[in-house]
Every structure is written in structure tokens, then in C-alpha cells.
Amino acid sequence: MELITVRSFEKAIEAHMIKSRLESEGIPVYLFDEHTVGLNPLFNLSVDGIKLKVHPQDVDLAQEIIEDFIHAPHENSKGEPLLCSECGGADFFESYQSMKGRKGFLSIIVSFLLGVYPIYYRTVLKCKSCGNEMEIRHDES
């Protein structure tokens, strides 16, 4: 059974979101190296990420669905488009791991001294236009 890698991911949650979307369209999907990366995020470099694979006949449709999913505009809980508070842009890096601030700086120092993966970061949306970081809020009303 031949499978083709359509995309690779750094985080399991991203891989599972796309996997669920493709399966809802009737495309069988397989994830490889998910547990390897889960053991230690640094293994991501050696195994080239969590690989999402499909059958050869499903590659074109899967890529189209993934592109539509990834490029869908961000929306708040009211269904309104989410815009950058600084420049008004609507294109963001999702799940950006920010280490700005005192806690982030302290985390970098501790991580360097102990030789461990950074122990603190905030997950934010980062505007691709101006670099502004915005908190991800799920309780907007």
C-alpha cells in the first residue's frame, strides 16, 4: 500500500485538525511519527515532523482541502473577521510561540543553563504584516 506525504506538521494538534477535516470529506488519512515528536519536540528535526499521508488517488483533493482550510480567514466568536489591532491586516502566523516579556526572558536563561527545551512561552497570533502579537481569546462575546 503506497502512501504519499501531503504535509508535515510540528504539532500534533495541527495534524489532527487537518486529519479530521480530510476524514470528514471521506479521505482516509494516516499520521506518521506523531508519537516520536510527542516524546520530545526536538525529535521533530530528526524525523522531519509529523507526516500526514494519503493514498495517491486522494493527493490532489487533499491538497486543495488543506489549502482552503489553512487560508480560511480567522474569525472571532461572532463570525466577524479577526484583524490586527496595529495595522488592520488579516494574515497571521497561527499558534506562534512567543517568549516576549520577563517570563520569556527568564525561561530562555533557565533553559540555556539547564540544557532543556524552553519551559515557558505564550501561544499567540502574530501578524505577518507588522509582527504584532495578539492573544488568542476563545471567550469573545
N, C-alpha and C. Protein backbone atom coordinates (compact mmCIF):
# COMPACT_ATOMS: atom_id res chain seq x y z
N MET A 1 0.85 -1.17 0.00
CA MET A 1 0.00 0.00 0.00
C MET A 1 0.90 1.24 0.00
N GLU A 2 0.85 2.00 -1.06
CA GLU A 2 1.65 3.21 -1.18
C GLU A 2 0.89 4.40 -0.61
N LEU A 3 1.59 5.19 0.20
CA LEU A 3 1.02 6.41 0.75
C LEU A 3 1.95 7.57 0.40
N ILE A 4 1.36 8.73 0.19
CA ILE A 4 2.14 9.91 -0.18
C ILE A 4 1.98 10.97 0.90
N THR A 5 3.11 11.54 1.31
CA THR A 5 3.09 12.61 2.31
C THR A 5 2.58 13.89 1.66
N VAL A 6 1.49 14.41 2.20
CA VAL A 6 0.89 15.62 1.68
C VAL A 6 1.41 16.86 2.41
N ARG A 7 1.66 16.69 3.70
CA ARG A 7 2.13 17.83 4.52
C ARG A 7 2.75 17.28 5.79
N SER A 8 3.65 18.06 6.39
CA SER A 8 4.19 17.68 7.70
C SER A 8 3.96 18.82 8.67
N PHE A 9 3.85 18.47 9.95
CA PHE A 9 3.48 19.42 11.00
C PHE A 9 4.45 19.34 12.16
N GLU A 10 4.57 20.43 12.90
CA GLU A 10 5.38 20.45 14.11
C GLU A 10 4.57 19.99 15.32
N LYS A 11 3.27 20.25 15.30
CA LYS A 11 2.43 19.97 16.46
C LYS A 11 1.33 18.98 16.09
N ALA A 12 1.06 18.08 17.02
CA ALA A 12 0.04 17.05 16.79
C ALA A 12 -1.35 17.65 16.62
N ILE A 13 -1.65 18.73 17.35
CA ILE A 13 -2.98 19.32 17.26
C ILE A 13 -3.28 19.82 15.85
N GLU A 14 -2.28 20.42 15.21
CA GLU A 14 -2.46 20.90 13.84
C GLU A 14 -2.70 19.73 12.89
N ALA A 15 -1.93 18.66 13.07
CA ALA A 15 -2.08 17.48 12.23
C ALA A 15 -3.46 16.86 12.40
N HIS A 16 -3.95 16.80 13.63
CA HIS A 16 -5.26 16.20 13.88
C HIS A 16 -6.40 17.07 13.36
N MET A 17 -6.23 18.39 13.39
CA MET A 17 -7.27 19.26 12.83
C MET A 17 -7.43 19.01 11.33
N ILE A 18 -6.31 18.95 10.62
CA ILE A 18 -6.35 18.70 9.18
C ILE A 18 -6.84 17.28 8.91
N LYS A 19 -6.38 16.33 9.71
CA LYS A 19 -6.82 14.94 9.54
C LYS A 19 -8.34 14.83 9.67
N SER A 20 -8.89 15.48 10.68
CA SER A 20 -10.35 15.45 10.88
C SER A 20 -11.09 16.07 9.70
N ARG A 21 -10.55 17.17 9.20
CA ARG A 21 -11.19 17.85 8.05
C ARG A 21 -11.18 16.94 6.83
N LEU A 22 -10.06 16.29 6.56
CA LEU A 22 -9.97 15.40 5.40
C LEU A 22 -10.87 14.18 5.57
N GLU A 23 -10.89 13.61 6.76
CA GLU A 23 -11.75 12.44 7.00
C GLU A 23 -13.22 12.80 6.87
N SER A 24 -13.59 14.04 7.21
CA SER A 24 -14.99 14.45 7.06
C SER A 24 -15.38 14.53 5.58
N GLU A 25 -14.38 14.63 4.70
CA GLU A 25 -14.62 14.64 3.25
C GLU A 25 -14.48 13.24 2.66
N GLY A 26 -14.27 12.23 3.52
CA GLY A 26 -14.20 10.85 3.06
C GLY A 26 -12.83 10.41 2.59
N ILE A 27 -11.80 11.14 2.94
CA ILE A 27 -10.44 10.78 2.53
C ILE A 27 -9.75 10.07 3.69
N PRO A 28 -9.31 8.81 3.49
CA PRO A 28 -8.56 8.13 4.55
C PRO A 28 -7.20 8.81 4.76
N VAL A 29 -6.86 9.07 6.01
CA VAL A 29 -5.64 9.81 6.34
C VAL A 29 -4.85 9.04 7.40
N TYR A 30 -3.53 9.09 7.29
CA TYR A 30 -2.64 8.40 8.22
C TYR A 30 -1.58 9.38 8.72
N LEU A 31 -1.32 9.35 10.02
CA LEU A 31 -0.28 10.19 10.61
C LEU A 31 0.91 9.33 10.99
N PHE A 32 2.11 9.77 10.61
CA PHE A 32 3.34 9.07 10.92
C PHE A 32 4.22 9.94 11.81
N ASP A 33 4.93 9.32 12.71
CA ASP A 33 5.90 9.96 13.62
C ASP A 33 5.25 10.89 14.64
N GLU A 34 3.96 10.74 14.86
CA GLU A 34 3.28 11.59 15.84
C GLU A 34 3.81 11.34 17.25
N HIS A 35 3.98 10.09 17.62
CA HIS A 35 4.42 9.77 18.98
C HIS A 35 5.90 10.06 19.17
N THR A 36 6.68 9.93 18.12
CA THR A 36 8.11 10.25 18.20
C THR A 36 8.29 11.72 18.53
N VAL A 37 7.56 12.58 17.82
CA VAL A 37 7.64 14.01 18.07
C VAL A 37 7.03 14.35 19.43
N GLY A 38 6.01 13.61 19.83
CA GLY A 38 5.37 13.85 21.13
C GLY A 38 6.30 13.55 22.30
N LEU A 39 7.19 12.58 22.14
CA LEU A 39 8.13 12.25 23.21
C LEU A 39 9.05 13.41 23.53
N ASN A 40 9.53 14.06 22.48
CA ASN A 40 10.43 15.19 22.66
C ASN A 40 10.32 16.06 21.42
N PRO A 41 9.87 17.31 21.56
CA PRO A 41 9.70 18.17 20.40
C PRO A 41 10.98 18.36 19.58
N LEU A 42 12.14 18.15 20.18
CA LEU A 42 13.37 18.29 19.43
C LEU A 42 13.56 17.16 18.41
N PHE A 43 12.87 16.03 18.61
CA PHE A 43 12.93 14.95 17.64
C PHE A 43 12.30 15.35 16.31
N ASN A 44 11.50 16.42 16.34
CA ASN A 44 10.85 16.93 15.15
C ASN A 44 11.86 17.16 14.03
N LEU A 45 13.03 17.65 14.38
CA LEU A 45 14.07 17.93 13.38
C LEU A 45 14.60 16.65 12.74
N SER A 46 14.75 15.61 13.53
CA SER A 46 15.36 14.38 13.00
C SER A 46 14.39 13.55 12.17
N VAL A 47 13.10 13.59 12.47
CA VAL A 47 12.14 12.79 11.71
C VAL A 47 11.36 13.62 10.69
N ASP A 48 11.68 14.91 10.61
CA ASP A 48 11.04 15.81 9.65
C ASP A 48 9.56 16.01 9.93
N GLY A 49 9.19 16.07 11.20
CA GLY A 49 7.83 16.43 11.58
C GLY A 49 6.85 15.27 11.57
N ILE A 50 5.62 15.59 11.95
CA ILE A 50 4.51 14.64 11.91
C ILE A 50 3.99 14.64 10.47
N LYS A 51 4.05 13.51 9.82
CA LYS A 51 3.69 13.43 8.41
C LYS A 51 2.26 12.97 8.22
N LEU A 52 1.52 13.74 7.41
CA LEU A 52 0.15 13.40 7.06
C LEU A 52 0.19 12.75 5.68
N LYS A 53 -0.26 11.51 5.59
CA LYS A 53 -0.17 10.76 4.33
C LYS A 53 -1.55 10.31 3.87
N VAL A 54 -1.71 10.27 2.55
CA VAL A 54 -2.95 9.81 1.92
C VAL A 54 -2.61 8.88 0.76
N HIS A 55 -3.63 8.22 0.24
CA HIS A 55 -3.45 7.36 -0.94
C HIS A 55 -3.20 8.23 -2.17
N PRO A 56 -2.46 7.72 -3.15
CA PRO A 56 -2.11 8.53 -4.33
C PRO A 56 -3.31 9.15 -5.04
N GLN A 57 -4.43 8.44 -5.11
CA GLN A 57 -5.59 8.98 -5.82
C GLN A 57 -6.26 10.13 -5.08
N ASP A 58 -5.93 10.32 -3.79
CA ASP A 58 -6.55 11.38 -2.99
C ASP A 58 -5.67 12.61 -2.82
N VAL A 59 -4.46 12.60 -3.39
CA VAL A 59 -3.49 13.67 -3.16
C VAL A 59 -4.02 15.04 -3.59
N ASP A 60 -4.51 15.15 -4.82
CA ASP A 60 -4.95 16.45 -5.33
C ASP A 60 -6.10 17.04 -4.51
N LEU A 61 -7.10 16.22 -4.23
CA LEU A 61 -8.24 16.69 -3.43
C LEU A 61 -7.79 17.06 -2.01
N ALA A 62 -6.92 16.25 -1.42
CA ALA A 62 -6.43 16.53 -0.07
C ALA A 62 -5.68 17.85 -0.04
N GLN A 63 -4.82 18.10 -1.01
CA GLN A 63 -4.06 19.35 -1.04
C GLN A 63 -4.99 20.55 -1.20
N GLU A 64 -6.01 20.41 -2.01
CA GLU A 64 -6.97 21.50 -2.21
C GLU A 64 -7.73 21.81 -0.91
N ILE A 65 -8.16 20.77 -0.21
CA ILE A 65 -8.89 20.95 1.05
C ILE A 65 -7.98 21.57 2.11
N ILE A 66 -6.73 21.12 2.16
CA ILE A 66 -5.78 21.67 3.14
C ILE A 66 -5.53 23.14 2.87
N GLU A 67 -5.33 23.52 1.62
CA GLU A 67 -5.08 24.93 1.28
C GLU A 67 -6.28 25.80 1.65
N ASP A 68 -7.49 25.31 1.36
CA ASP A 68 -8.70 26.06 1.74
C ASP A 68 -8.79 26.23 3.25
N PHE A 69 -8.46 25.17 3.97
CA PHE A 69 -8.54 25.19 5.43
C PHE A 69 -7.51 26.16 6.01
N ILE A 70 -6.30 26.10 5.51
CA ILE A 70 -5.21 26.93 6.04
C ILE A 70 -5.42 28.41 5.72
N HIS A 71 -5.96 28.70 4.55
CA HIS A 71 -6.11 30.10 4.13
C HIS A 71 -7.48 30.69 4.48
N ALA A 72 -8.29 29.94 5.22
CA ALA A 72 -9.58 30.50 5.67
C ALA A 72 -9.30 31.64 6.65
N PRO A 73 -10.04 32.73 6.55
CA PRO A 73 -9.78 33.86 7.45
C PRO A 73 -10.10 33.51 8.90
N HIS A 74 -9.35 34.11 9.81
CA HIS A 74 -9.62 33.93 11.23
C HIS A 74 -10.87 34.72 11.58
N GLU A 75 -11.68 34.15 12.46
CA GLU A 75 -12.91 34.82 12.86
C GLU A 75 -13.02 34.80 14.38
N ASN A 76 -13.69 35.82 14.92
CA ASN A 76 -13.97 35.80 16.35
C ASN A 76 -15.24 34.97 16.59
N SER A 77 -15.69 34.92 17.83
CA SER A 77 -16.85 34.08 18.16
C SER A 77 -18.15 34.59 17.54
N LYS A 78 -18.16 35.85 17.07
CA LYS A 78 -19.34 36.40 16.41
C LYS A 78 -19.35 36.13 14.91
N GLY A 79 -18.28 35.50 14.41
CA GLY A 79 -18.18 35.22 12.98
C GLY A 79 -17.61 36.39 12.18
N GLU A 80 -17.12 37.40 12.87
CA GLU A 80 -16.53 38.56 12.19
C GLU A 80 -15.06 38.29 11.92
N PRO A 81 -14.51 38.81 10.81
CA PRO A 81 -13.09 38.59 10.54
C PRO A 81 -12.21 39.21 11.62
N LEU A 82 -11.17 38.50 12.02
CA LEU A 82 -10.23 38.97 13.02
C LEU A 82 -9.16 39.79 12.33
N LEU A 83 -8.96 41.02 12.80
CA LEU A 83 -7.98 41.92 12.19
C LEU A 83 -6.92 42.31 13.22
N CYS A 84 -5.73 42.59 12.73
CA CYS A 84 -4.62 43.03 13.59
C CYS A 84 -4.98 44.36 14.23
N SER A 85 -4.71 44.49 15.51
CA SER A 85 -5.02 45.72 16.23
C SER A 85 -4.08 46.86 15.88
N GLU A 86 -2.95 46.55 15.26
CA GLU A 86 -1.97 47.59 14.88
C GLU A 86 -2.16 48.07 13.44
N CYS A 87 -2.19 47.13 12.49
CA CYS A 87 -2.20 47.53 11.08
C CYS A 87 -3.49 47.18 10.33
N GLY A 88 -4.38 46.41 10.97
CA GLY A 88 -5.63 46.04 10.32
C GLY A 88 -5.50 44.86 9.39
N GLY A 89 -4.34 44.22 9.35
CA GLY A 89 -4.12 43.06 8.48
C GLY A 89 -4.90 41.85 8.96
N ALA A 90 -5.13 40.90 8.06
CA ALA A 90 -5.90 39.72 8.41
C ALA A 90 -5.11 38.43 8.21
N ASP A 91 -3.81 38.52 7.99
CA ASP A 91 -2.97 37.35 7.75
C ASP A 91 -2.06 37.13 8.95
N PHE A 92 -2.20 35.98 9.60
CA PHE A 92 -1.49 35.71 10.85
C PHE A 92 -0.70 34.41 10.78
N PHE A 93 0.37 34.35 11.58
CA PHE A 93 1.02 33.09 11.89
C PHE A 93 0.21 32.50 13.03
N GLU A 94 -0.30 31.29 12.85
CA GLU A 94 -1.11 30.66 13.89
C GLU A 94 -0.23 29.98 14.91
N SER A 95 -0.68 29.94 16.14
CA SER A 95 0.00 29.24 17.22
C SER A 95 1.47 29.62 17.32
N TYR A 96 1.76 30.89 17.17
CA TYR A 96 3.13 31.38 17.28
C TYR A 96 3.55 31.32 18.74
N GLN A 97 4.72 30.76 19.00
CA GLN A 97 5.20 30.63 20.37
C GLN A 97 6.06 31.84 20.72
N SER A 98 5.48 32.74 21.47
CA SER A 98 6.16 33.99 21.84
C SER A 98 6.81 33.86 23.20
N MET A 99 8.01 34.40 23.30
CA MET A 99 8.71 34.40 24.58
C MET A 99 9.01 35.84 25.01
N LYS A 100 8.22 36.79 24.51
CA LYS A 100 8.40 38.19 24.89
C LYS A 100 8.05 38.38 26.37
N GLY A 101 8.69 39.34 26.98
CA GLY A 101 8.41 39.67 28.36
C GLY A 101 9.40 39.06 29.32
N ARG A 102 9.21 39.36 30.60
CA ARG A 102 10.13 38.89 31.64
C ARG A 102 10.13 37.38 31.78
N LYS A 103 8.94 36.79 31.79
CA LYS A 103 8.86 35.34 31.95
C LYS A 103 9.57 34.62 30.81
N GLY A 104 9.40 35.11 29.59
CA GLY A 104 10.06 34.52 28.44
C GLY A 104 11.57 34.64 28.52
N PHE A 105 12.05 35.82 28.93
CA PHE A 105 13.49 36.03 29.06
C PHE A 105 14.07 35.10 30.13
N LEU A 106 13.38 35.01 31.27
CA LEU A 106 13.83 34.12 32.34
C LEU A 106 13.82 32.66 31.87
N SER A 107 12.80 32.29 31.10
CA SER A 107 12.72 30.94 30.57
C SER A 107 13.90 30.61 29.65
N ILE A 108 14.29 31.58 28.84
CA ILE A 108 15.43 31.38 27.93
C ILE A 108 16.70 31.13 28.75
N ILE A 109 16.92 31.92 29.78
CA ILE A 109 18.11 31.76 30.61
C ILE A 109 18.11 30.40 31.31
N VAL A 110 16.99 30.05 31.94
CA VAL A 110 16.90 28.77 32.64
C VAL A 110 17.07 27.60 31.67
N SER A 111 16.44 27.70 30.51
CA SER A 111 16.55 26.64 29.50
C SER A 111 17.98 26.48 29.03
N PHE A 112 18.67 27.59 28.84
CA PHE A 112 20.07 27.55 28.42
C PHE A 112 20.94 26.92 29.50
N LEU A 113 20.75 27.34 30.74
CA LEU A 113 21.57 26.83 31.84
C LEU A 113 21.34 25.35 32.11
N LEU A 114 20.10 24.92 32.01
CA LEU A 114 19.77 23.52 32.29
C LEU A 114 19.84 22.63 31.04
N GLY A 115 19.95 23.25 29.87
CA GLY A 115 20.02 22.47 28.63
C GLY A 115 18.72 21.77 28.31
N VAL A 116 17.60 22.41 28.58
CA VAL A 116 16.29 21.81 28.32
C VAL A 116 15.52 22.66 27.32
N TYR A 117 14.45 22.08 26.81
CA TYR A 117 13.53 22.79 25.93
C TYR A 117 12.92 23.94 26.71
N PRO A 118 12.68 25.11 26.10
CA PRO A 118 12.11 26.24 26.84
C PRO A 118 10.87 25.84 27.63
N ILE A 119 10.83 26.27 28.87
CA ILE A 119 9.76 25.85 29.77
C ILE A 119 8.57 26.81 29.78
N TYR A 120 8.70 27.96 29.13
CA TYR A 120 7.59 28.92 29.12
C TYR A 120 7.51 29.59 27.76
N TYR A 121 6.32 29.68 27.26
CA TYR A 121 6.02 30.50 26.09
C TYR A 121 4.52 30.73 26.06
N ARG A 122 4.12 31.79 25.38
CA ARG A 122 2.70 32.08 25.19
C ARG A 122 2.36 31.76 23.74
N THR A 123 1.21 31.18 23.52
CA THR A 123 0.75 30.92 22.17
C THR A 123 -0.10 32.10 21.73
N VAL A 124 0.32 32.76 20.65
CA VAL A 124 -0.35 33.98 20.17
C VAL A 124 -0.55 33.90 18.66
N LEU A 125 -1.33 34.82 18.15
CA LEU A 125 -1.41 35.06 16.71
C LEU A 125 -0.43 36.18 16.40
N LYS A 126 0.42 35.98 15.41
CA LYS A 126 1.39 37.01 15.05
C LYS A 126 1.07 37.50 13.65
N CYS A 127 0.86 38.81 13.53
CA CYS A 127 0.53 39.42 12.25
C CYS A 127 1.72 39.29 11.30
N LYS A 128 1.45 38.80 10.08
CA LYS A 128 2.51 38.64 9.09
C LYS A 128 2.95 39.98 8.51
N SER A 129 2.11 40.98 8.60
CA SER A 129 2.44 42.29 8.03
C SER A 129 3.34 43.12 8.95
N CYS A 130 2.93 43.24 10.22
CA CYS A 130 3.66 44.16 11.11
C CYS A 130 4.35 43.47 12.28
N GLY A 131 4.10 42.19 12.49
CA GLY A 131 4.76 41.47 13.59
C GLY A 131 4.08 41.63 14.93
N ASN A 132 2.94 42.31 14.98
CA ASN A 132 2.21 42.48 16.23
C ASN A 132 1.72 41.12 16.73
N GLU A 133 1.84 40.90 18.04
CA GLU A 133 1.37 39.66 18.63
C GLU A 133 0.06 39.91 19.37
N MET A 134 -0.92 39.05 19.11
CA MET A 134 -2.24 39.20 19.72
C MET A 134 -2.59 37.93 20.47
N GLU A 135 -3.12 38.09 21.68
CA GLU A 135 -3.54 36.94 22.47
C GLU A 135 -4.69 36.22 21.76
N ILE A 136 -4.71 34.92 21.88
CA ILE A 136 -5.80 34.12 21.33
C ILE A 136 -6.88 34.06 22.40
N ARG A 137 -8.04 34.60 22.08
CA ARG A 137 -9.14 34.63 23.03
C ARG A 137 -10.27 33.78 22.48
N HIS A 138 -10.74 32.86 23.31
CA HIS A 138 -11.84 31.99 22.91
C HIS A 138 -13.15 32.43 23.55
N ASP A 139 -13.11 33.44 24.38
CA ASP A 139 -14.30 33.85 25.12
C ASP A 139 -14.86 35.20 24.66
N GLU A 140 -14.51 35.62 23.44
CA GLU A 140 -15.04 36.91 22.94
C GLU A 140 -16.54 36.81 22.77
N SER A 141 -17.24 37.84 23.18
CA SER A 141 -18.70 37.82 23.00
C SER A 141 -19.21 39.17 22.62
